[in-house]
Amino acid sequence: MFDPQHFITDKLREIDASGIRRVFDLAAKLKNPINLSIGQPDFDVPAPIKAAAITAIEQGHNRYTVTQGLASLHQRIDEHLKPELPHWDFSAVSTLVTSGVSGGLMLALMTTVGPGDEVLIPDPYFVMYRHLVTLTGATAVYVDTYPDFQISADKLEPYITDRTKLILFNTPSNPTGVVATNQTCKDVVTLAEKHNLLILSDEIYDEFCYEKIQRPAHGNKHRCPSPADYSQNILLLRGYSKTYGMTGWRLGYAVGPKAIIEQMTKLQQYSFVCAPSMVQLAGIVALDIDMQSHIDAYEVKRDLVIEKLSGCYELTTPGGAFYAFPKVPEHLGLTGTQFVEKAVDKGMLMIPGNVFSNKDTHFRISYACDTAMLTKGLDLLVELAK
């Protein structure tokens, strides 16, 4: 008898459906929920970027591009990065245009780690990390960063073994919104060099930084510290989805050592093929758009979250991205999952902390929504805390 289950691999069986996806399924059943769950900007793609994509389609740019991405986009990415990273030798690195940072993560991990290797992942972590590591056959090793969610070289080093190959570094962080310090970035680079490890730096939220941090490179608009400030022997992943509201357009890029990028490009040839052609052309225009007004608006929302919740919840101030990761008040006697279930009963959607962590003590809210909905949700959270 034919059994479809027989054909599903063990690796896929090890991967659960995303807890975020389950919340989306709940959302479909609720009428007008207070939705603080989705990590997607509430502003639309700026008009010049839309126009560039439409023009590209109308002019017939609808075919495959070269796997590594259009040369014109590569040139614009280099122009974007060079003022920020003046100490880099760009002749020694390569760029690959990817189908979003998610696509870049998959290509990077499948290129650099495999069975027998270990990957250090700070906990809490972006939900995709653990599952992509599982797909490669490598082993995820979780480094506890509670309660302040700041990773450090001192926290990482005890977990390093002769099988450790890669450190997954994410700043600003999803789900906590925490921004790494300059010193942390420098120390982690020093640690990686000491143990011959690769840093994969996921910086999809790089523009969303609300702390006025002076980076080593002067005169650039980016304020979020990065391991790239201290070494070019890393894999730097950035993208367009969050900064420009282009979540459905699937465009990102990876910059790093030529030998690694070449292998990622080869893998992309046999998987994603290339990033969408018309979106690549729009990506050239996007890097000329000033999004500071939207980022400033999100900082105001961040401040509202702190103002409303800090008296009721243990909350590490988010320095970037558009998330907060409060702890469920201990007097309630609830796990993060149970607390989120109570919120759903009240018509509000959030994500339980165990989606992003080996612990179930917190929950994630996203303030990437309109201020009226956010205020309503925060007021309900204050009520639930009592």
Protein backbone atom coordinates (compact mmCIF):
# COMPACT_ATOMS: atom_id res chain seq x y z
CA MET A 1 0.00 0.00 0.00
CA PHE A 2 1.28 3.45 -0.92
CA ASP A 3 2.26 5.46 2.18
CA PRO A 4 3.41 9.07 1.54
CA GLN A 5 5.02 9.16 5.00
CA HIS A 6 7.49 6.50 3.86
CA PHE A 7 9.14 9.00 1.51
CA ILE A 8 9.74 11.81 4.01
CA THR A 9 13.33 12.03 5.20
CA ASP A 10 14.42 11.81 8.82
CA LYS A 11 15.90 15.29 8.63
CA LEU A 12 12.56 16.78 7.66
CA ARG A 13 10.84 14.88 10.47
CA GLU A 14 13.21 16.59 12.90
CA ILE A 15 11.87 19.99 11.82
CA ASP A 16 8.64 21.27 13.34
CA ALA A 17 6.31 23.60 11.49
CA SER A 18 7.13 27.14 12.58
CA GLY A 19 5.35 28.30 15.72
CA ILE A 20 4.97 31.62 13.93
CA ARG A 21 3.09 29.86 11.16
CA ARG A 22 0.72 28.34 13.72
CA VAL A 23 -0.04 31.84 15.01
CA PHE A 24 -0.79 32.94 11.46
CA ASP A 25 -3.24 30.06 11.20
CA LEU A 26 -4.90 31.30 14.39
CA ALA A 27 -5.07 34.80 12.93
CA ALA A 28 -7.13 33.50 10.03
CA LYS A 29 -9.78 32.31 12.51
CA LEU A 30 -10.03 35.57 14.48
CA LYS A 31 -12.06 38.57 13.38
CA ASN A 32 -9.97 41.74 13.44
CA PRO A 33 -7.31 40.47 15.87
CA ILE A 34 -4.86 42.76 17.61
CA ASN A 35 -1.89 41.46 15.68
CA LEU A 36 1.45 41.98 17.39
CA SER A 37 2.89 38.80 15.91
CA ILE A 38 4.11 39.54 12.41
CA GLY A 39 7.64 40.75 11.74
CA GLN A 40 6.73 42.74 8.67
CA PRO A 41 6.91 46.53 8.26
CA ASP A 42 3.52 48.22 8.11
CA PHE A 43 4.72 50.80 5.56
CA ASP A 44 4.53 50.15 1.83
CA VAL A 45 7.41 49.88 -0.61
CA PRO A 46 8.44 53.44 -1.60
CA ALA A 47 7.05 54.60 -4.94
CA PRO A 48 10.42 54.96 -6.76
CA ILE A 49 11.26 51.32 -5.99
CA LYS A 50 7.86 50.17 -7.28
CA ALA A 51 8.31 52.26 -10.40
CA ALA A 52 11.75 50.76 -11.06
CA ALA A 53 10.33 47.22 -10.84
CA ILE A 54 7.38 48.07 -13.08
CA THR A 55 9.67 49.68 -15.66
CA ALA A 56 11.95 46.66 -15.58
CA ILE A 57 9.01 44.34 -16.25
CA GLU A 58 7.67 46.55 -19.06
CA GLN A 59 11.12 46.75 -20.66
CA GLY A 60 11.36 42.97 -20.75
CA HIS A 61 13.71 42.27 -17.84
CA ASN A 62 11.81 39.11 -16.99
CA ARG A 63 14.36 36.43 -17.74
CA TYR A 64 17.03 34.75 -15.66
CA THR A 65 19.98 36.87 -14.69
CA VAL A 66 23.45 35.47 -14.08
CA THR A 67 23.41 33.42 -10.90
CA GLN A 68 25.53 35.83 -8.88
CA GLY A 69 23.24 38.78 -9.70
CA LEU A 70 23.37 41.74 -12.05
CA ALA A 71 26.73 43.50 -12.33
CA SER A 72 24.98 46.87 -11.94
CA LEU A 73 23.51 45.79 -8.60
CA HIS A 74 26.89 44.45 -7.46
CA GLN A 75 28.42 47.82 -8.25
CA ARG A 76 25.71 49.67 -6.31
CA ILE A 77 26.10 47.35 -3.28
CA ASP A 78 29.85 47.98 -3.28
CA GLU A 79 29.24 51.75 -3.44
CA HIS A 80 26.85 51.37 -0.51
CA LEU A 81 29.27 49.39 1.66
CA LYS A 82 32.63 51.05 0.95
CA PRO A 83 31.99 54.25 2.96
CA GLU A 84 30.84 52.10 5.88
CA LEU A 85 33.75 49.65 5.68
CA PRO A 86 36.74 51.71 4.50
CA HIS A 87 39.20 49.22 5.97
CA TRP A 88 37.95 46.35 3.77
CA ASP A 89 39.89 45.27 0.70
CA PHE A 90 36.98 44.76 -1.68
CA SER A 91 39.23 43.03 -4.21
CA ALA A 92 39.56 40.17 -1.71
CA VAL A 93 35.83 39.60 -1.20
CA SER A 94 32.91 38.73 -3.46
CA THR A 95 29.20 39.47 -3.45
CA LEU A 96 26.28 37.16 -4.18
CA VAL A 97 22.78 38.52 -4.70
CA THR A 98 20.38 36.15 -2.92
CA SER A 99 16.67 35.44 -2.71
CA GLY A 100 16.33 37.32 0.55
CA VAL A 101 18.55 36.94 3.59
CA SER A 102 16.74 33.65 4.27
CA GLY A 103 18.05 32.33 0.97
CA GLY A 104 21.49 33.59 1.87
CA LEU A 105 21.36 31.83 5.23
CA MET A 106 20.51 28.51 3.60
CA LEU A 107 23.25 28.82 1.00
CA ALA A 108 25.81 29.92 3.59
CA LEU A 109 25.10 27.11 6.04
CA MET A 110 24.91 24.41 3.38
CA THR A 111 28.23 25.63 2.01
CA THR A 112 30.17 25.88 5.26
CA VAL A 113 28.93 23.17 7.67
CA GLY A 114 27.90 19.54 7.52
CA PRO A 115 27.74 16.31 9.55
CA GLY A 116 30.18 16.37 12.45
CA ASP A 117 30.38 20.18 12.57
CA GLU A 118 28.98 22.34 15.36
CA VAL A 119 27.37 25.75 15.01
CA LEU A 120 27.16 28.14 17.98
CA ILE A 121 23.75 29.82 18.18
CA PRO A 122 22.98 32.44 20.85
CA ASP A 123 19.67 31.65 22.58
CA PRO A 124 17.14 33.26 21.91
CA TYR A 125 17.61 33.01 18.13
CA PHE A 126 15.79 33.61 14.86
CA VAL A 127 13.51 30.63 14.36
CA MET A 128 15.09 29.56 11.06
CA TYR A 129 18.60 29.04 12.43
CA ARG A 130 18.15 25.75 14.24
CA HIS A 131 16.24 24.14 11.39
CA LEU A 132 18.68 25.16 8.69
CA VAL A 133 21.51 23.72 10.78
CA THR A 134 19.49 20.50 11.07
CA LEU A 135 19.14 20.35 7.27
CA THR A 136 22.91 20.56 6.84
CA GLY A 137 23.43 17.61 9.20
CA ALA A 138 25.52 19.77 11.54
CA THR A 139 24.77 20.16 15.26
CA ALA A 140 23.36 23.35 16.76
CA VAL A 141 24.95 24.29 20.10
CA TYR A 142 22.92 26.85 22.04
CA VAL A 143 24.57 29.57 24.10
CA ASP A 144 22.28 30.97 26.82
CA THR A 145 22.16 34.80 26.80
CA TYR A 146 19.39 35.30 29.37
CA PRO A 147 18.50 37.64 31.05
CA ASP A 148 19.98 40.59 29.10
CA PHE A 149 20.31 38.74 25.75
CA GLN A 150 23.79 40.13 25.11
CA ILE A 151 26.15 37.60 23.60
CA SER A 152 29.82 37.83 24.54
CA ALA A 153 33.09 36.07 23.81
CA ASP A 154 33.13 34.88 27.44
CA LYS A 155 29.75 33.20 26.99
CA LEU A 156 30.72 31.63 23.67
CA GLU A 157 34.17 30.27 24.44
CA PRO A 158 33.18 27.47 26.90
CA TYR A 159 31.06 25.92 24.12
CA ILE A 160 33.86 25.78 21.56
CA THR A 161 35.17 22.30 20.76
CA ASP A 162 37.36 20.87 18.03
CA ARG A 163 34.13 20.37 16.04
CA THR A 164 32.99 24.01 16.24
CA LYS A 165 33.11 25.68 12.84
CA LEU A 166 30.76 28.65 12.77
CA ILE A 167 29.19 31.33 14.99
CA LEU A 168 25.75 32.62 14.03
CA PHE A 169 25.67 36.32 14.93
CA ASN A 170 22.49 38.40 14.67
CA THR A 171 22.35 42.10 15.47
CA PRO A 172 19.92 43.78 15.90
CA SER A 173 18.33 40.60 17.17
CA ASN A 174 15.13 38.87 16.29
CA PRO A 175 13.34 38.18 18.70
CA THR A 176 14.81 40.45 21.40
CA GLY A 177 15.68 43.66 19.56
CA VAL A 178 19.01 43.74 21.40
CA VAL A 179 21.93 45.43 19.63
CA ALA A 180 25.46 44.13 20.12
CA THR A 181 28.04 46.63 21.36
CA ASN A 182 31.20 47.62 19.50
CA GLN A 183 33.23 45.80 22.16
CA THR A 184 31.17 42.62 21.74
CA CYS A 185 31.70 42.64 17.98
CA LYS A 186 35.44 43.17 18.43
CA ASP A 187 35.73 40.45 21.10
CA VAL A 188 33.77 37.90 19.06
CA VAL A 189 35.96 38.55 16.02
CA THR A 190 39.07 38.05 18.18
CA LEU A 191 37.59 34.81 19.54
CA ALA A 192 36.78 33.55 16.03
CA GLU A 193 40.33 34.30 14.86
CA LYS A 194 41.78 32.53 17.91
CA HIS A 195 39.83 29.32 17.20
CA ASN A 196 39.71 29.58 13.38
CA LEU A 197 35.91 29.98 13.27
CA LEU A 198 33.72 31.65 10.67
CA ILE A 199 31.24 34.34 11.77
CA LEU A 200 27.99 34.45 9.83
CA SER A 201 26.60 37.92 10.60
CA ASP A 202 22.87 38.24 9.90
CA GLU A 203 22.19 41.99 9.69
CA ILE A 204 18.76 42.14 8.08
CA TYR A 205 17.73 44.84 10.60
CA ASP A 206 20.92 46.89 10.22
CA GLU A 207 19.10 50.19 9.53
CA PHE A 208 16.74 49.79 12.51
CA CYS A 209 19.03 50.99 15.27
CA TYR A 210 17.76 53.43 17.91
CA GLU A 211 20.93 53.71 19.97
CA LYS A 212 23.29 56.46 18.85
CA ILE A 213 26.40 54.29 18.72
CA GLN A 214 29.59 55.62 17.17
CA ARG A 215 31.15 52.89 15.07
CA PRO A 216 34.86 52.69 14.19
CA ALA A 217 34.10 53.72 10.60
CA HIS A 218 33.23 57.42 10.52
CA GLY A 219 30.85 59.39 8.37
CA ASN A 220 28.32 56.69 7.50
CA LYS A 221 24.65 56.55 8.30
CA HIS A 222 24.69 53.01 9.75
CA ARG A 223 24.73 53.03 13.52
CA CYS A 224 24.48 49.34 14.38
CA PRO A 225 27.85 47.83 15.34
CA SER A 226 28.96 44.87 13.26
CA PRO A 227 31.71 42.24 13.29
CA ALA A 228 32.49 43.65 9.83
CA ASP A 229 33.98 46.66 11.60
CA TYR A 230 36.83 44.44 12.79
CA SER A 231 37.33 41.83 10.07
CA GLN A 232 36.44 41.06 6.48
CA ASN A 233 36.95 37.34 7.08
CA ILE A 234 33.26 36.95 7.84
CA LEU A 235 30.06 36.28 5.91
CA LEU A 236 27.96 39.43 5.97
CA LEU A 237 24.26 38.99 5.11
CA ARG A 238 21.98 41.96 4.50
CA GLY A 239 18.73 42.51 2.67
CA TYR A 240 15.91 44.71 1.51
CA SER A 241 12.85 43.13 3.13
CA LYS A 242 12.72 45.07 6.40
CA THR A 243 14.31 48.42 5.52
CA TYR A 244 12.26 48.99 2.38
CA GLY A 245 9.15 46.94 3.17
CA MET A 246 10.06 44.52 0.36
CA THR A 247 9.31 41.32 2.28
CA GLY A 248 7.56 39.61 -0.62
CA TRP A 249 10.15 40.66 -3.20
CA ARG A 250 12.92 38.33 -1.90
CA LEU A 251 16.15 40.24 -2.31
CA GLY A 252 19.30 40.16 -0.22
CA TYR A 253 23.04 39.84 -0.57
CA ALA A 254 26.00 38.03 0.93
CA VAL A 255 29.50 39.49 1.03
CA GLY A 256 32.52 37.50 2.15
CA PRO A 257 35.68 35.60 1.25
CA LYS A 258 35.79 34.77 -2.45
CA ALA A 259 36.25 31.02 -1.99
CA ILE A 260 33.08 30.76 0.14
CA ILE A 261 30.97 33.05 -2.06
CA GLU A 262 32.01 31.05 -5.14
CA GLN A 263 30.68 27.85 -3.58
CA MET A 264 27.48 29.59 -2.45
CA THR A 265 27.03 30.83 -6.01
CA LYS A 266 27.45 27.29 -7.33
CA LEU A 267 24.80 26.07 -4.90
CA GLN A 268 22.45 28.90 -5.88
CA GLN A 269 22.82 27.83 -9.51
CA TYR A 270 21.26 24.47 -8.60
CA SER A 271 18.62 25.80 -6.19
CA PHE A 272 17.29 29.36 -6.38
CA VAL A 273 18.99 29.92 -9.80
CA CYS A 274 18.99 33.70 -9.26
CA ALA A 275 17.14 36.40 -7.38
CA PRO A 276 14.11 37.84 -9.27
CA SER A 277 15.41 39.88 -12.19
CA MET A 278 13.06 42.88 -11.95
CA VAL A 279 13.59 43.06 -8.19
CA GLN A 280 17.36 43.24 -8.68
CA LEU A 281 16.90 46.32 -10.86
CA ALA A 282 14.59 47.84 -8.25
CA GLY A 283 17.24 47.05 -5.63
CA ILE A 284 19.64 49.46 -7.33
CA VAL A 285 17.13 52.28 -6.85
CA ALA A 286 16.26 51.21 -3.29
CA LEU A 287 19.76 51.92 -1.99
CA ASP A 288 19.26 55.59 -2.91
CA ILE A 289 16.04 55.93 -0.86
CA ASP A 290 16.25 57.56 2.56
CA MET A 291 14.11 55.52 4.98
CA GLN A 292 15.03 57.48 8.11
CA SER A 293 11.52 58.87 8.66
CA HIS A 294 10.13 55.33 8.90
CA ILE A 295 12.94 54.26 11.21
CA ASP A 296 12.29 57.31 13.42
CA ALA A 297 8.61 56.37 13.57
CA TYR A 298 9.54 52.87 14.76
CA GLU A 299 11.75 54.37 17.45
CA VAL A 300 8.71 56.25 18.75
CA LYS A 301 6.78 52.97 18.81
CA ARG A 302 9.68 51.32 20.63
CA ASP A 303 9.53 54.05 23.26
CA LEU A 304 5.78 53.49 23.64
CA VAL A 305 6.39 49.78 24.28
CA ILE A 306 8.91 50.58 27.02
CA GLU A 307 6.64 53.21 28.58
CA LYS A 308 3.61 50.92 28.71
CA LEU A 309 5.23 47.61 29.68
CA SER A 310 8.27 48.37 31.82
CA GLY A 311 6.20 48.70 35.00
CA CYS A 312 4.47 45.34 34.50
CA TYR A 313 7.05 43.14 32.79
CA GLU A 314 10.72 42.35 33.00
CA LEU A 315 11.84 43.82 29.69
CA THR A 316 15.26 44.36 28.14
CA THR A 317 15.13 47.59 26.15
CA PRO A 318 15.18 46.80 22.43
CA GLY A 319 17.94 48.82 20.81
CA GLY A 320 16.96 47.93 17.27
CA ALA A 321 14.75 45.88 14.91
CA PHE A 322 11.03 46.13 15.81
CA TYR A 323 10.53 43.48 18.47
CA ALA A 324 10.33 43.27 22.24
CA PHE A 325 10.77 40.10 24.29
CA PRO A 326 9.08 40.54 27.69
CA LYS A 327 9.12 37.92 30.42
CA VAL A 328 5.79 36.52 31.60
CA PRO A 329 5.24 37.83 35.17
CA GLU A 330 6.14 35.04 37.58
CA HIS A 331 3.09 35.64 39.81
CA LEU A 332 0.87 34.46 36.94
CA GLY A 333 2.43 30.98 37.06
CA LEU A 334 2.23 30.61 33.28
CA THR A 335 4.67 29.55 30.59
CA GLY A 336 5.17 31.77 27.59
CA THR A 337 2.95 29.47 25.55
CA GLN A 338 0.15 29.49 28.13
CA PHE A 339 0.30 33.27 28.39
CA VAL A 340 0.06 33.66 24.61
CA GLU A 341 -2.95 31.32 24.62
CA LYS A 342 -4.65 33.62 27.14
CA ALA A 343 -3.88 36.58 24.91
CA VAL A 344 -5.36 34.78 21.90
CA ASP A 345 -8.54 34.22 23.91
CA LYS A 346 -8.69 38.02 24.26
CA GLY A 347 -8.24 38.48 20.50
CA MET A 348 -4.52 39.31 20.45
CA LEU A 349 -1.77 37.49 18.58
CA MET A 350 1.83 37.21 19.79
CA ILE A 351 4.56 34.57 19.53
CA PRO A 352 5.53 32.37 22.50
CA GLY A 353 9.18 32.54 23.46
CA ASN A 354 9.85 28.83 22.95
CA VAL A 355 9.54 29.37 19.20
CA PHE A 356 12.87 31.21 19.48
CA SER A 357 14.43 29.53 22.47
CA ASN A 358 14.96 26.41 24.55
CA LYS A 359 13.11 28.25 27.32
CA ASP A 360 9.40 29.07 27.51
CA THR A 361 9.41 32.05 29.85
CA HIS A 362 8.98 34.99 27.48
CA PHE A 363 6.92 36.08 24.48
CA ARG A 364 7.68 38.18 21.44
CA ILE A 365 5.68 41.16 20.28
CA SER A 366 6.26 43.08 17.07
CA TYR A 367 5.59 46.80 17.00
CA ALA A 368 5.66 46.86 13.20
CA CYS A 369 1.99 47.81 13.14
CA ASP A 370 -0.01 51.01 13.25
CA THR A 371 0.12 52.96 16.50
CA ALA A 372 -3.58 52.51 17.28
CA MET A 373 -3.33 48.71 17.17
CA LEU A 374 -0.07 48.76 19.11
CA THR A 375 -1.57 50.93 21.86
CA LYS A 376 -4.59 48.66 22.11
CA GLY A 377 -2.35 45.60 22.36
CA LEU A 378 -0.07 47.15 24.97
CA ASP A 379 -3.07 48.16 27.10
CA LEU A 380 -4.32 44.58 26.94
CA LEU A 381 -0.90 43.29 27.99
CA VAL A 382 -0.96 45.59 31.01
CA GLU A 383 -4.38 44.18 31.88
CA LEU A 384 -3.19 40.60 31.44
CA ALA A 385 -0.20 41.23 33.71
CA LYS A 386 -2.58 41.95 36.57
